[in-house]
PDB file of N, CA and C in Angstrom:
ATOM      1  N   MET A   1      54.600  28.915 -49.442  1.00  0.00           N
ATOM      2  CA  MET A   1      55.263  28.539 -50.738  1.00  0.00           C
ATOM      3  C   MET A   1      55.894  27.204 -50.501  1.00  0.00           C
ATOM      4  N   SER A   2      55.592  26.289 -51.432  1.00  0.00           N
ATOM      5  CA  SER A   2      56.119  24.920 -51.203  1.00  0.00           C
ATOM      6  C   SER A   2      57.584  24.824 -51.632  1.00  0.00           C
ATOM      7  N   LYS A   3      58.276  23.795 -51.170  1.00  0.00           N
ATOM      8  CA  LYS A   3      59.594  23.606 -51.521  1.00  0.00           C
ATOM      9  C   LYS A   3      59.830  23.434 -52.928  1.00  0.00           C
ATOM     10  N   ARG A   4      58.981  22.807 -53.662  1.00  0.00           N
ATOM     11  CA  ARG A   4      59.114  22.587 -55.112  1.00  0.00           C
ATOM     12  C   ARG A   4      59.109  23.975 -55.806  1.00  0.00           C
ATOM     13  N   VAL A   5      58.176  24.785 -55.390  1.00  0.00           N
ATOM     14  CA  VAL A   5      58.122  26.126 -56.060  1.00  0.00           C
ATOM     15  C   VAL A   5      59.349  26.965 -55.859  1.00  0.00           C
ATOM     16  N   LYS A   6      59.891  26.930 -54.636  1.00  0.00           N
ATOM     17  CA  LYS A   6      61.107  27.613 -54.320  1.00  0.00           C
ATOM     18  C   LYS A   6      62.329  27.107 -55.117  1.00  0.00           C
ATOM     19  N   VAL A   7      62.411  25.842 -55.255  1.00  0.00           N
ATOM     20  CA  VAL A   7      63.506  25.257 -56.059  1.00  0.00           C
ATOM     21  C   VAL A   7      63.348  25.602 -57.554  1.00  0.00           C
ATOM     22  N   SER A   8      62.039  25.583 -57.992  1.00  0.00           N
ATOM     23  CA  SER A   8      61.838  25.973 -59.521  1.00  0.00           C
ATOM     24  C   SER A   8      62.172  27.513 -59.615  1.00  0.00           C
ATOM     25  N   LEU A   9      61.820  28.313 -58.709  1.00  0.00           N
ATOM     26  CA  LEU A   9      62.171  29.778 -58.843  1.00  0.00           C
ATOM     27  C   LEU A   9      63.686  30.021 -58.804  1.00  0.00           C
ATOM     28  N   ILE A  10      64.356  29.343 -57.925  1.00  0.00           N
ATOM     29  CA  ILE A  10      65.862  29.462 -57.843  1.00  0.00           C
ATOM     30  C   ILE A  10      66.469  28.941 -59.104  1.00  0.00           C
ATOM     31  N   ALA A  11      66.034  27.802 -59.641  1.00  0.00           N
ATOM     32  CA  ALA A  11      66.559  27.242 -60.856  1.00  0.00           C
ATOM     33  C   ALA A  11      66.321  28.214 -62.047  1.00  0.00           C
ATOM     34  N   THR A  12      65.181  28.851 -62.169  1.00  0.00           N
ATOM     35  CA  THR A  12      64.726  29.707 -63.149  1.00  0.00           C
ATOM     36  C   THR A  12      65.636  30.946 -63.079  1.00  0.00           C
ATOM     37  N   LEU A  13      65.844  31.457 -61.924  1.00  0.00           N
ATOM     38  CA  LEU A  13      66.691  32.632 -61.647  1.00  0.00           C
ATOM     39  C   LEU A  13      68.089  32.350 -62.047  1.00  0.00           C
ATOM     40  N   ALA A  14      68.700  31.185 -61.713  1.00  0.00           N
ATOM     41  CA  ALA A  14      69.975  30.805 -62.105  1.00  0.00           C
ATOM     42  C   ALA A  14      70.148  30.708 -63.656  1.00  0.00           C
ATOM     43  N   LEU A  15      69.119  30.121 -64.261  1.00  0.00           N
ATOM     44  CA  LEU A  15      69.155  30.097 -65.728  1.00  0.00           C
ATOM     45  C   LEU A  15      69.102  31.451 -66.317  1.00  0.00           C
ATOM     46  N   VAL A  16      68.330  32.303 -65.804  1.00  0.00           N
ATOM     47  CA  VAL A  16      68.235  33.702 -66.388  1.00  0.00           C
ATOM     48  C   VAL A  16      69.550  34.478 -66.197  1.00  0.00           C
ATOM     49  N   VAL A  17      70.251  34.243 -65.106  1.00  0.00           N
ATOM     50  CA  VAL A  17      71.496  34.843 -64.807  1.00  0.00           C
ATOM     51  C   VAL A  17      72.644  34.312 -65.826  1.00  0.00           C
ATOM     52  N   VAL A  18      72.619  32.991 -66.044  1.00  0.00           N
ATOM     53  CA  VAL A  18      73.602  32.424 -66.968  1.00  0.00           C
ATOM     54  C   VAL A  18      73.297  32.859 -68.442  1.00  0.00           C
ATOM     55  N   ILE A  19      72.066  32.821 -68.819  1.00  0.00           N
ATOM     56  CA  ILE A  19      71.768  33.290 -70.209  1.00  0.00           C
ATOM     57  C   ILE A  19      72.175  34.787 -70.333  1.00  0.00           C
ATOM     58  N   SER A  20      71.770  35.612 -69.357  1.00  0.00           N
ATOM     59  CA  SER A  20      72.088  36.985 -69.388  1.00  0.00           C
ATOM     60  C   SER A  20      73.621  37.232 -69.547  1.00  0.00           C
ATOM     61  N   GLY A  21      74.391  36.509 -68.768  1.00  0.00           N
ATOM     62  CA  GLY A  21      75.840  36.596 -68.877  1.00  0.00           C
ATOM     63  C   GLY A  21      76.418  36.196 -70.268  1.00  0.00           C
ATOM     64  N   TRP A  22      75.877  35.128 -70.755  1.00  0.00           N
ATOM     65  CA  TRP A  22      76.273  34.661 -72.090  1.00  0.00           C
ATOM     66  C   TRP A  22      75.928  35.677 -73.131  1.00  0.00           C
ATOM     67  N   VAL A  23      74.714  36.299 -73.130  1.00  0.00           N
ATOM     68  CA  VAL A  23      74.361  37.258 -74.044  1.00  0.00           C
ATOM     69  C   VAL A  23      75.222  38.601 -73.977  1.00  0.00           C
ATOM     70  N   TYR A  24      75.502  38.978 -72.757  1.00  0.00           N
ATOM     71  CA  TYR A  24      76.422  40.198 -72.504  1.00  0.00           C
ATOM     72  C   TYR A  24      77.755  39.872 -73.087  1.00  0.00           C
ATOM     73  N   PHE A  25      78.441  38.764 -72.761  1.00  0.00           N
ATOM     74  CA  PHE A  25      79.752  38.468 -73.278  1.00  0.00           C
ATOM     75  C   PHE A  25      79.736  38.320 -74.838  1.00  0.00           C
ATOM     76  N   SER A  26      78.703  37.785 -75.388  1.00  0.00           N
ATOM     77  CA  SER A  26      78.572  37.637 -76.877  1.00  0.00           C
ATOM     78  C   SER A  26      78.504  38.999 -77.574  1.00  0.00           C
ATOM     79  N   LEU A  27      77.813  39.924 -76.959  1.00  0.00           N
ATOM     80  CA  LEU A  27      77.637  41.266 -77.516  1.00  0.00           C
ATOM     81  C   LEU A  27      78.832  42.237 -77.215  1.00  0.00           C
ATOM     82  N   PHE A  28      79.302  42.166 -76.004  1.00  0.00           N
ATOM     83  CA  PHE A  28      80.217  43.192 -75.538  1.00  0.00           C
ATOM     84  C   PHE A  28      81.692  42.628 -75.246  1.00  0.00           C
ATOM     85  N   GLY A  29      81.847  41.328 -75.281  1.00  0.00           N
ATOM     86  CA  GLY A  29      83.101  40.796 -75.049  1.00  0.00           C
ATOM     87  C   GLY A  29      83.481  40.548 -73.598  1.00  0.00           C
ATOM     88  N   ASN A  30      84.478  39.778 -73.377  1.00  0.00           N
ATOM     89  CA  ASN A  30      84.962  39.430 -72.028  1.00  0.00           C
ATOM     90  C   ASN A  30      85.946  40.527 -71.618  1.00  0.00           C
ATOM     91  N   PRO A  31      85.718  41.296 -70.513  1.00  0.00           N
ATOM     92  CA  PRO A  31      86.639  42.377 -70.171  1.00  0.00           C
ATOM     93  C   PRO A  31      87.984  41.837 -69.860  1.00  0.00           C
ATOM     94  N   ILE A  32      88.155  40.612 -69.357  1.00  0.00           N
ATOM     95  CA  ILE A  32      89.533  40.104 -69.101  1.00  0.00           C
ATOM     96  C   ILE A  32      90.219  39.822 -70.409  1.00  0.00           C
ATOM     97  N   LYS A  33      89.525  39.324 -71.414  1.00  0.00           N
ATOM     98  CA  LYS A  33      90.188  39.179 -72.686  1.00  0.00           C
ATOM     99  C   LYS A  33      90.491  40.503 -73.400  1.00  0.00           C
ATOM    100  N   MET A  34      89.722  41.547 -73.143  1.00  0.00           N
ATOM    101  CA  MET A  34      90.011  42.891 -73.724  1.00  0.00           C
ATOM    102  C   MET A  34      91.262  43.474 -73.061  1.00  0.00           C
ATOM    103  N   ASN A  35      91.361  43.257 -71.802  1.00  0.00           N
ATOM    104  CA  ASN A  35      92.498  43.745 -71.117  1.00  0.00           C
ATOM    105  C   ASN A  35      93.803  42.924 -71.512  1.00  0.00           C
ATOM    106  N   ASP A  36      93.687  41.662 -71.746  1.00  0.00           N
ATOM    107  CA  ASP A  36      94.713  40.824 -72.295  1.00  0.00           C
ATOM    108  C   ASP A  36      95.181  41.297 -73.727  1.00  0.00           C
ATOM    109  N   ALA A  37      94.208  41.642 -74.517  1.00  0.00           N
ATOM    110  CA  ALA A  37      94.457  42.165 -75.848  1.00  0.00           C
ATOM    111  C   ALA A  37      95.280  43.525 -75.707  1.00  0.00           C
ATOM    112  N   GLU A  38      94.841  44.337 -74.824  1.00  0.00           N
ATOM    113  CA  GLU A  38      95.647  45.582 -74.602  1.00  0.00           C
ATOM    114  C   GLU A  38      97.117  45.355 -74.316  1.00  0.00           C
ATOM    115  N   GLU A  39      97.339  44.444 -73.400  1.00  0.00           N
ATOM    116  CA  GLU A  39      98.718  44.058 -72.970  1.00  0.00           C
ATOM    117  C   GLU A  39      99.483  43.462 -74.122  1.00  0.00           C
ATOM    118  N   LYS A  40      98.871  42.612 -74.904  1.00  0.00           N
ATOM    119  CA  LYS A  40      99.498  41.925 -76.023  1.00  0.00           C
ATOM    120  C   LYS A  40      99.865  42.939 -77.104  1.00  0.00           C
ATOM    121  N   VAL A  41      98.955  43.827 -77.417  1.00  0.00           N
ATOM    122  CA  VAL A  41      99.190  44.904 -78.435  1.00  0.00           C
ATOM    123  C   VAL A  41     100.306  45.760 -77.984  1.00  0.00           C
ATOM    124  N   ARG A  42     100.279  46.246 -76.658  1.00  0.00           N
ATOM    125  CA  ARG A  42     101.341  47.029 -76.123  1.00  0.00           C
ATOM    126  C   ARG A  42     102.752  46.308 -76.209  1.00  0.00           C
ATOM    127  N   ALA A  43     102.745  45.020 -75.829  1.00  0.00           N
ATOM    128  CA  ALA A  43     104.014  44.289 -75.959  1.00  0.00           C
ATOM    129  C   ALA A  43     104.474  44.164 -77.446  1.00  0.00           C
ATOM    130  N   TYR A  44     103.516  43.958 -78.354  1.00  0.00           N
ATOM    131  CA  TYR A  44     103.861  43.908 -79.811  1.00  0.00           C
ATOM    132  C   TYR A  44     104.426  45.130 -80.264  1.00  0.00           C
ATOM    133  N   LEU A  45     103.849  46.298 -79.980  1.00  0.00           N
ATOM    134  CA  LEU A  45     104.410  47.480 -80.305  1.00  0.00           C
ATOM    135  C   LEU A  45     105.785  47.838 -79.776  1.00  0.00           C
ATOM    136  N   ILE A  46     105.946  47.507 -78.506  1.00  0.00           N
ATOM    137  CA  ILE A  46     107.257  47.811 -77.880  1.00  0.00           C
ATOM    138  C   ILE A  46     108.300  46.847 -78.406  1.00  0.00           C
ATOM    139  N   GLN A  47     107.990  45.585 -78.406  1.00  0.00           N
ATOM    140  CA  GLN A  47     109.066  44.507 -78.646  1.00  0.00           C
ATOM    141  C   GLN A  47     109.276  44.347 -80.171  1.00  0.00           C
ATOM    142  N   GLN A  48     108.300  44.318 -80.894  1.00  0.00           N
ATOM    143  CA  GLN A  48     108.449  44.049 -82.353  1.00  0.00           C
ATOM    144  C   GLN A  48     108.541  45.314 -83.241  1.00  0.00           C
ATOM    145  N   LYS A  49     107.777  46.363 -82.863  1.00  0.00           N
ATOM    146  CA  LYS A  49     107.802  47.575 -83.685  1.00  0.00           C
ATOM    147  C   LYS A  49     108.662  48.656 -83.045  1.00  0.00           C
ATOM    148  N   ARG A  50     109.294  48.382 -81.944  1.00  0.00           N
ATOM    149  CA  ARG A  50     110.270  49.309 -81.350  1.00  0.00           C
ATOM    150  C   ARG A  50     109.706  50.605 -80.915  1.00  0.00           C
ATOM    151  N   TYR A  51     108.522  50.765 -80.534  1.00  0.00           N
ATOM    152  CA  TYR A  51     107.890  51.973 -79.938  1.00  0.00           C
ATOM    153  C   TYR A  51     108.276  52.034 -78.552  1.00  0.00           C
ATOM    154  N   SER A  52     108.383  53.195 -77.975  1.00  0.00           N
ATOM    155  CA  SER A  52     108.551  53.411 -76.527  1.00  0.00           C
ATOM    156  C   SER A  52     107.161  53.514 -75.853  1.00  0.00           C
ATOM    157  N   SER A  53     107.102  53.282 -74.589  1.00  0.00           N
ATOM    158  CA  SER A  53     105.869  53.530 -73.917  1.00  0.00           C
ATOM    159  C   SER A  53     105.395  54.980 -73.936  1.00  0.00           C
ATOM    160  N   GLU A  54     106.338  55.845 -73.984  1.00  0.00           N
ATOM    161  CA  GLU A  54     106.034  57.332 -74.125  1.00  0.00           C
ATOM    162  C   GLU A  54     105.384  57.716 -75.457  1.00  0.00           C
ATOM    163  N   GLU A  55     105.622  56.927 -76.474  1.00  0.00           N
ATOM    164  CA  GLU A  55     105.091  57.246 -77.814  1.00  0.00           C
ATOM    165  C   GLU A  55     103.606  56.830 -77.947  1.00  0.00           C
ATOM    166  N   MET A  56     103.152  56.080 -76.964  1.00  0.00           N
ATOM    167  CA  MET A  56     101.708  55.645 -76.972  1.00  0.00           C
ATOM    168  C   MET A  56     100.971  56.326 -75.746  1.00  0.00           C
ATOM    169  N   ILE A  57      99.990  57.108 -76.042  1.00  0.00           N
ATOM    170  CA  ILE A  57      99.276  57.759 -74.980  1.00  0.00           C
ATOM    171  C   ILE A  57      98.071  57.047 -74.511  1.00  0.00           C
ATOM    172  N   ASP A  58      97.555  56.092 -75.376  1.00  0.00           N
ATOM    173  CA  ASP A  58      96.358  55.338 -74.919  1.00  0.00           C
ATOM    174  C   ASP A  58      96.250  54.048 -75.737  1.00  0.00           C
ATOM    175  N   ILE A  59      96.030  52.969 -75.031  1.00  0.00           N
ATOM    176  CA  ILE A  59      95.676  51.676 -75.627  1.00  0.00           C
ATOM    177  C   ILE A  59      94.460  51.151 -74.959  1.00  0.00           C
ATOM    178  N   THR A  60      93.397  50.954 -75.743  1.00  0.00           N
ATOM    179  CA  THR A  60      92.087  50.528 -75.357  1.00  0.00           C
ATOM    180  C   THR A  60      91.632  49.189 -76.013  1.00  0.00           C
ATOM    181  N   GLY A  61      91.432  48.171 -75.133  1.00  0.00           N
ATOM    182  CA  GLY A  61      91.038  46.885 -75.732  1.00  0.00           C
ATOM    183  C   GLY A  61      89.543  46.960 -76.298  1.00  0.00           C
ATOM    184  N   ASN A  62      89.254  46.205 -77.287  1.00  0.00           N
ATOM    185  CA  ASN A  62      87.909  46.229 -77.829  1.00  0.00           C
ATOM    186  C   ASN A  62      87.597  44.798 -78.267  1.00  0.00           C
ATOM    187  N   TYR A  63      86.277  44.612 -78.699  1.00  0.00           N
ATOM    188  CA  TYR A  63      85.738  43.357 -79.048  1.00  0.00           C
ATOM    189  C   TYR A  63      84.841  43.594 -80.209  1.00  0.00           C
ATOM    190  N   SER A  64      84.780  42.728 -81.123  1.00  0.00           N
ATOM    191  CA  SER A  64      83.906  42.750 -82.299  1.00  0.00           C
ATOM    192  C   SER A  64      83.248  41.428 -82.455  1.00  0.00           C
ATOM    193  N   PHE A  65      81.934  41.377 -82.201  1.00  0.00           N
ATOM    194  CA  PHE A  65      81.184  40.133 -82.351  1.00  0.00           C
ATOM    195  C   PHE A  65      81.085  39.731 -83.749  1.00  0.00           C
ATOM    196  N   THR A  66      81.315  40.612 -84.682  1.00  0.00           N
ATOM    197  CA  THR A  66      81.185  40.172 -86.124  1.00  0.00           C
ATOM    198  C   THR A  66      82.494  39.701 -86.710  1.00  0.00           C
ATOM    199  N   SER A  67      83.609  39.642 -85.931  1.00  0.00           N
ATOM    200  CA  SER A  67      84.779  39.072 -86.483  1.00  0.00           C
ATOM    201  C   SER A  67      85.071  37.720 -85.864  1.00  0.00           C
ATOM    202  N   SER A  68      85.157  36.682 -86.788  1.00  0.00           N
ATOM    203  CA  SER A  68      85.371  35.360 -86.245  1.00  0.00           C
ATOM    204  C   SER A  68      86.924  35.134 -86.161  1.00  0.00           C
ATOM    205  N   GLU A  69      87.711  35.824 -87.059  1.00  0.00           N
ATOM    206  CA  GLU A  69      89.184  35.642 -87.021  1.00  0.00           C
ATOM    207  C   GLU A  69      89.892  36.404 -85.907  1.00  0.00           C
ATOM    208  N   ALA A  70      89.467  37.614 -85.635  1.00  0.00           N
ATOM    209  CA  ALA A  70      90.192  38.445 -84.653  1.00  0.00           C
ATOM    210  C   ALA A  70      89.151  39.122 -83.817  1.00  0.00           C
ATOM    211  N   PRO A  71      88.381  38.524 -82.904  1.00  0.00           N
ATOM    212  CA  PRO A  71      87.318  39.218 -82.227  1.00  0.00           C
ATOM    213  C   PRO A  71      87.874  40.269 -81.213  1.00  0.00           C
ATOM    214  N   TYR A  72      89.055  40.027 -80.642  1.00  0.00           N
ATOM    215  CA  TYR A  72      89.639  40.994 -79.749  1.00  0.00           C
ATOM    216  C   TYR A  72      90.771  41.722 -80.320  1.00  0.00           C
ATOM    217  N   GLY A  73      90.920  42.924 -79.868  1.00  0.00           N
ATOM    218  CA  GLY A  73      92.034  43.770 -80.287  1.00  0.00           C
ATOM    219  C   GLY A  73      92.134  45.024 -79.498  1.00  0.00           C
ATOM    220  N   ALA A  74      92.812  45.993 -80.040  1.00  0.00           N
ATOM    221  CA  ALA A  74      93.048  47.241 -79.289  1.00  0.00           C
ATOM    222  C   ALA A  74      93.157  48.485 -80.207  1.00  0.00           C
ATOM    223  N   SER A  75      92.744  49.568 -79.731  1.00  0.00           N
ATOM    224  CA  SER A  75      92.859  50.903 -80.489  1.00  0.00           C
ATOM    225  C   SER A  75      94.068  51.664 -79.739  1.00  0.00           C
ATOM    226  N   VAL A  76      94.899  52.125 -80.573  1.00  0.00           N
ATOM    227  CA  VAL A  76      96.065  52.755 -80.032  1.00  0.00           C
ATOM    228  C   VAL A  76      96.099  54.306 -80.509  1.00  0.00           C
ATOM    229  N   THR A  77      96.344  55.197 -79.534  1.00  0.00           N
ATOM    230  CA  THR A  77      96.624  56.551 -79.797  1.00  0.00           C
ATOM    231  C   THR A  77      98.037  56.868 -79.608  1.00  0.00           C
ATOM    232  N   PHE A  78      98.693  57.402 -80.576  1.00  0.00           N
ATOM    233  CA  PHE A  78     100.168  57.741 -80.447  1.00  0.00           C
ATOM    234  C   PHE A  78     100.231  59.189 -80.077  1.00  0.00           C
ATOM    235  N   ALA A  79     101.335  59.556 -79.392  1.00  0.00           N
ATOM    236  CA  ALA A  79     101.502  60.870 -78.847  1.00  0.00           C
ATOM    237  C   ALA A  79     101.695  61.949 -80.022  1.00  0.00           C
ATOM    238  N   ASP A  80     102.210  61.482 -81.086  1.00  0.00           N
ATOM    239  CA  ASP A  80     102.381  62.456 -82.164  1.00  0.00           C
ATOM    240  C   ASP A  80     101.175  62.565 -83.109  1.00  0.00           C
ATOM    241  N   GLN A  81     100.182  61.879 -82.869  1.00  0.00           N
ATOM    242  CA  GLN A  81      98.836  61.973 -83.541  1.00  0.00           C
ATOM    243  C   GLN A  81      97.764  61.813 -82.498  1.00  0.00           C
ATOM    244  N   PRO A  82      97.606  62.661 -81.509  1.00  0.00           N
ATOM    245  CA  PRO A  82      96.625  62.473 -80.489  1.00  0.00           C
ATOM    246  C   PRO A  82      95.175  62.395 -80.873  1.00  0.00           C
ATOM    247  N   ASN A  83      94.775  62.883 -82.032  1.00  0.00           N
ATOM    248  CA  ASN A  83      93.411  62.859 -82.451  1.00  0.00           C
ATOM    249  C   ASN A  83      93.065  61.631 -83.410  1.00  0.00           C
ATOM    250  N   ASP A  84      94.021  60.763 -83.484  1.00  0.00           N
ATOM    251  CA  ASP A  84      93.824  59.612 -84.456  1.00  0.00           C
ATOM    252  C   ASP A  84      94.040  58.307 -83.724  1.00  0.00           C
ATOM    253  N   LYS A  85      93.342  57.276 -84.265  1.00  0.00           N
ATOM    254  CA  LYS A  85      93.492  55.901 -83.617  1.00  0.00           C
ATOM    255  C   LYS A  85      93.955  54.976 -84.687  1.00  0.00           C
ATOM    256  N   TYR A  86      94.749  53.975 -84.250  1.00  0.00           N
ATOM    257  CA  TYR A  86      95.150  52.873 -85.077  1.00  0.00           C
ATOM    258  C   TYR A  86      94.624  51.631 -84.424  1.00  0.00           C
ATOM    259  N   HIS A  87      93.969  50.816 -85.289  1.00  0.00           N
ATOM    260  CA  HIS A  87      93.346  49.638 -84.743  1.00  0.00           C
ATOM    261  C   HIS A  87      94.100  48.293 -85.136  1.00  0.00           C
ATOM    262  N   TYR A  88      94.327  47.516 -84.076  1.00  0.00           N
ATOM    263  CA  TYR A  88      94.998  46.272 -84.203  1.00  0.00           C
ATOM    264  C   TYR A  88      94.177  45.097 -83.725  1.00  0.00           C
ATOM    265  N   GLY A  89      94.226  43.956 -84.553  1.00  0.00           N
ATOM    266  CA  GLY A  89      93.479  42.844 -84.237  1.00  0.00           C
ATOM    267  C   GLY A  89      94.390  41.734 -83.675  1.00  0.00           C
ATOM    268  N   LEU A  90      93.878  41.113 -82.709  1.00  0.00           N
ATOM    269  CA  LEU A  90      94.667  39.913 -82.083  1.00  0.00           C
ATOM    270  C   LEU A  90      93.945  38.621 -82.677  1.00  0.00           C
ATOM    271  N   PHE A  91      94.598  38.062 -83.720  1.00  0.00           N
ATOM    272  CA  PHE A  91      94.116  36.859 -84.347  1.00  0.00           C
ATOM    273  C   PHE A  91      94.157  35.660 -83.464  1.00  0.00           C
ATOM    274  N   LYS A  92      93.291  34.662 -83.817  1.00  0.00           N
ATOM    275  CA  LYS A  92      93.227  33.486 -82.978  1.00  0.00           C
ATOM    276  C   LYS A  92      94.544  32.624 -83.011  1.00  0.00           C
ATOM    277  N   ASP A  93      95.245  32.795 -84.128  1.00  0.00           N
ATOM    278  CA  ASP A  93      96.488  32.007 -84.270  1.00  0.00           C
ATOM    279  C   ASP A  93      97.670  32.775 -83.561  1.00  0.00           C
ATOM    280  N   GLY A  94      97.397  33.829 -82.910  1.00  0.00           N
ATOM    281  CA  GLY A  94      98.375  34.591 -82.061  1.00  0.00           C
ATOM    282  C   GLY A  94      99.084  35.792 -82.657  1.00  0.00           C
ATOM    283  N   HIS A  95      98.911  35.995 -84.011  1.00  0.00           N
ATOM    284  CA  HIS A  95      99.615  37.161 -84.537  1.00  0.00           C
ATOM    285  C   HIS A  95      98.706  38.413 -84.361  1.00  0.00           C
ATOM    286  N   ILE A  96      99.360  39.524 -84.371  1.00  0.00           N
ATOM    287  CA  ILE A  96      98.767  40.831 -84.265  1.00  0.00           C
ATOM    288  C   ILE A  96      98.918  41.575 -85.540  1.00  0.00           C
ATOM    289  N   GLU A  97      97.877  42.237 -85.966  1.00  0.00           N
ATOM    290  CA  GLU A  97      97.948  42.907 -87.254  1.00  0.00           C
ATOM    291  C   GLU A  97      97.181  44.214 -87.255  1.00  0.00           C
ATOM    292  N   GLN A  98      97.784  45.321 -87.690  1.00  0.00           N
ATOM    293  CA  GLN A  98      97.003  46.534 -87.854  1.00  0.00           C
ATOM    294  C   GLN A  98      95.995  46.407 -88.987  1.00  0.00           C
ATOM    295  N   TYR A  99      94.752  46.813 -88.768  1.00  0.00           N
ATOM    296  CA  TYR A  99      93.811  46.574 -89.766  1.00  0.00           C
ATOM    297  C   TYR A  99      93.050  47.800 -90.181  1.00  0.00           C
ATOM    298  N   SER A 100      93.113  48.929 -89.420  1.00  0.00           N
ATOM    299  CA  SER A 100      92.668  50.181 -89.889  1.00  0.00           C
ATOM    300  C   SER A 100      93.110  51.298 -89.099  1.00  0.00           C
ATOM    301  N   TYR A 101      92.779  52.579 -89.452  1.00  0.00           N
ATOM    302  CA  TYR A 101      93.214  53.761 -88.814  1.00  0.00           C
ATOM    303  C   TYR A 101      92.299  54.852 -89.134  1.00  0.00           C
ATOM    304  N   THR A 102      92.311  55.992 -88.361  1.00  0.00           N
ATOM    305  CA  THR A 102      91.453  57.079 -88.560  1.00  0.00           C
ATOM    306  C   THR A 102      92.146  58.273 -89.078  1.00  0.00           C
ATOM    307  N   SER A 103      93.424  58.168 -89.344  1.00  0.00           N
ATOM    308  CA  SER A 103      94.239  59.341 -89.721  1.00  0.00           C
ATOM    309  C   SER A 103      94.138  59.649 -91.252  1.00  0.00           C
ATOM    310  N   ASP A 104      94.074  60.894 -91.555  1.00  0.00           N
ATOM    311  CA  ASP A 104      94.200  61.280 -93.000  1.00  0.00           C
ATOM    312  C   ASP A 104      95.629  61.177 -93.474  1.00  0.00           C
ATOM    313  N   ASP A 105      96.582  61.316 -92.573  1.00  0.00           N
ATOM    314  CA  ASP A 105      98.001  61.151 -92.897  1.00  0.00           C
ATOM    315  C   ASP A 105      98.644  60.180 -91.908  1.00  0.00           C
ATOM    316  N   PRO A 106      98.431  58.889 -92.218  1.00  0.00           N
ATOM    317  CA  PRO A 106      98.874  57.891 -91.229  1.00  0.00           C
ATOM    318  C   PRO A 106     100.438  57.674 -91.209  1.00  0.00           C
ATOM    319  N   ILE A 107     101.068  58.088 -90.163  1.00  0.00           N
ATOM    320  CA  ILE A 107     102.505  57.954 -90.056  1.00  0.00           C
ATOM    321  C   ILE A 107     102.980  56.701 -89.340  1.00  0.00           C
ATOM    322  N   HIS A 108     101.992  55.964 -88.776  1.00  0.00           N
ATOM    323  CA  HIS A 108     102.304  54.671 -88.091  1.00  0.00           C
ATOM    324  C   HIS A 108     101.695  53.509 -88.913  1.00  0.00           C
ATOM    325  N   LEU A 109     101.546  53.689 -90.164  1.00  0.00           N
ATOM    326  CA  LEU A 109     100.982  52.655 -91.006  1.00  0.00           C
ATOM    327  C   LEU A 109     101.842  51.456 -91.117  1.00  0.00           C
ATOM    328  N   GLU A 110     101.380  50.244 -90.974  1.00  0.00           N
ATOM    329  CA  GLU A 110     102.102  49.058 -91.088  1.00  0.00           C
ATOM    330  C   GLU A 110     101.704  48.317 -92.420  1.00  0.00           C
ATOM    331  N   SER A 111     102.717  47.708 -93.003  1.00  0.00           N
ATOM    332  CA  SER A 111     102.392  46.908 -94.260  1.00  0.00           C
ATOM    333  C   SER A 111     101.569  45.733 -93.880  1.00  0.00           C
ATOM    334  N   ARG A 112     100.849  45.242 -94.848  1.00  0.00           N
ATOM    335  CA  ARG A 112     100.044  44.024 -94.598  1.00  0.00           C
ATOM    336  C   ARG A 112     100.630  42.661 -94.990  1.00  0.00           C
ATOM    337  N   ILE A 113     101.939  42.773 -95.139  1.00  0.00           N
ATOM    338  CA  ILE A 113     102.688  41.515 -95.464  1.00  0.00           C
ATOM    339  C   ILE A 113     102.981  40.679 -94.255  1.00  0.00           C
ATOM    340  N   ARG A 114     102.664  39.372 -94.313  1.00  0.00           N
ATOM    341  CA  ARG A 114     102.925  38.466 -93.235  1.00  0.00           C
ATOM    342  C   ARG A 114     103.889  37.441 -93.662  1.00  0.00           C
TER     343      ARG A 114
END
């Protein structure tokens, strides 16, 4: 195999890896940014909404490729409603907002006034 063929194969392989990574992050999000969204939502709920850590049993970062305003966010499960989730978006301007919930009786509902 000639040197030119080897270089072409390596360049093609590198291009495939880069494109695959770009497609993966476009569809499923950056895991580091999802973890950052979890931490920011946790801090928001503790510092601004005055929840304790014990009141939240799960916070999971998420990504939506369809949202241009708030692509990253987190789903929160509260201890007093373990079967329900409240969804928070982390907007590009830095603010955090609750945008949906799965509860039929939402006791952690936030107003949409900014």
